[in-house]
Amino acid sequence: MLREAEIAYATMAMITDYDCWKEDEAHVTVEMVIANLNRNAATSQAIIRRVLPQIPREPNWACHSALQNAIMTDKKLWPARTRRELQPILQKYL
């Protein structure tokens, strides 16, 4: 749905506990999970600080115009309610 809303995004996932499938090792403790969570938070912050300056200020990726040719129905036929509800993402097409 984000692409359809012309939003560029990336997913960053961090692992805090990956022992649920292991039977031959000691179980992870709450303290270990919290320590991993804190390391992940620091790593995430460092990644974001490094990546943010590289993101263009102007939206110029393909996803920023994903709706340009996606809506086939003539604008005159769009229900008023649909126009109102989708106005934030359809603004440049109205």
Protein backbone atom coordinates (compact mmCIF):
# COMPACT_ATOMS: atom_id res chain seq x y z
CA MET A 1 0.00 0.00 0.00
CA LEU A 2 2.89 2.39 0.57
CA ARG A 3 3.91 2.27 -3.07
CA GLU A 4 0.33 3.02 -4.08
CA ALA A 5 0.48 6.05 -1.77
CA GLU A 6 3.68 7.07 -3.58
CA ILE A 7 5.73 6.71 -0.42
CA ALA A 8 9.34 5.61 -0.72
CA TYR A 9 10.34 3.42 2.17
CA ALA A 10 12.86 0.88 3.35
CA THR A 11 12.56 -1.73 6.05
CA MET A 12 15.17 -2.21 8.71
CA ALA A 13 14.75 -5.24 10.94
CA MET A 14 16.80 -6.16 13.97
CA ILE A 15 16.87 -9.47 15.84
CA THR A 16 16.62 -9.55 19.61
CA ASP A 17 15.94 -13.23 20.27
CA TYR A 18 16.64 -16.06 17.84
CA ASP A 19 16.86 -19.11 20.06
CA CYS A 20 13.27 -20.34 19.80
CA TRP A 21 14.28 -23.11 17.38
CA LYS A 22 17.48 -24.14 19.14
CA GLU A 23 17.34 -27.11 21.46
CA ASP A 24 21.05 -27.62 22.07
CA GLU A 25 21.85 -24.20 23.58
CA ALA A 26 20.81 -22.37 26.70
CA HIS A 27 17.70 -20.27 26.41
CA VAL A 28 18.03 -16.56 25.91
CA THR A 29 17.35 -14.50 29.01
CA VAL A 30 15.39 -11.27 29.28
CA GLU A 31 18.67 -9.51 30.04
CA MET A 32 20.17 -10.83 26.80
CA VAL A 33 17.14 -9.69 24.80
CA ILE A 34 17.30 -6.22 26.35
CA ALA A 35 21.05 -6.00 25.69
CA ASN A 36 20.41 -6.95 22.03
CA LEU A 37 17.57 -4.44 21.87
CA ASN A 38 19.86 -1.67 23.15
CA ARG A 39 22.61 -2.62 20.66
CA ASN A 40 20.03 -2.70 17.87
CA ALA A 41 18.77 0.76 18.83
CA ALA A 42 22.30 2.16 18.70
CA THR A 43 22.97 0.42 15.38
CA SER A 44 19.68 1.70 13.94
CA GLN A 45 20.47 5.26 15.01
CA ALA A 46 23.92 5.07 13.43
CA ILE A 47 22.46 3.71 10.18
CA ILE A 48 19.81 6.42 10.06
CA ARG A 49 22.37 9.17 10.74
CA ARG A 50 24.51 7.83 7.90
CA VAL A 51 21.67 7.32 5.40
CA LEU A 52 19.50 10.41 5.95
CA PRO A 53 21.92 12.87 4.31
CA GLN A 54 21.93 10.66 1.20
CA ILE A 55 18.17 10.86 0.67
CA PRO A 56 17.25 13.43 -2.00
CA ARG A 57 15.08 16.31 -0.75
CA GLU A 58 12.91 16.18 -3.86
CA PRO A 59 10.77 13.06 -4.39
CA ASN A 60 12.17 11.74 -7.66
CA TRP A 61 12.06 7.96 -7.41
CA ALA A 62 9.71 5.83 -9.50
CA CYS A 63 7.45 5.13 -6.52
CA HIS A 64 6.76 8.87 -6.21
CA SER A 65 4.72 8.70 -9.41
CA ALA A 66 3.28 5.19 -9.03
CA LEU A 67 -0.30 6.46 -9.42
CA GLN A 68 0.34 8.41 -12.60
CA ASN A 69 -0.84 5.59 -14.84
CA ALA A 70 -2.42 3.35 -12.19
CA ILE A 71 -5.87 4.95 -12.05
CA MET A 72 -7.77 4.12 -15.21
CA THR A 73 -11.18 5.48 -14.20
CA ASP A 74 -11.96 8.94 -15.56
CA LYS A 75 -11.70 11.52 -12.76
CA LYS A 76 -15.24 12.70 -13.52
CA LEU A 77 -16.48 9.28 -12.38
CA TRP A 78 -14.67 9.26 -9.03
CA PRO A 79 -17.21 9.32 -6.18
CA ALA A 80 -17.03 12.46 -4.03
CA ARG A 81 -16.45 10.39 -0.89
CA THR A 82 -13.51 8.60 -2.53
CA ARG A 83 -12.03 11.95 -3.57
CA ARG A 84 -12.30 13.25 -0.01
CA GLU A 85 -10.89 10.15 1.63
CA LEU A 86 -7.99 9.77 -0.79
CA GLN A 87 -7.26 13.48 -1.18
CA PRO A 88 -3.99 13.32 0.77
CA ILE A 89 -2.47 10.82 -1.66
CA LEU A 90 -4.32 11.91 -4.82
CA GLN A 91 -3.77 15.63 -4.38
CA LYS A 92 -1.50 16.07 -7.40
CA TYR A 93 -3.93 14.09 -9.58
CA LEU A 94 -7.14 15.92 -8.65
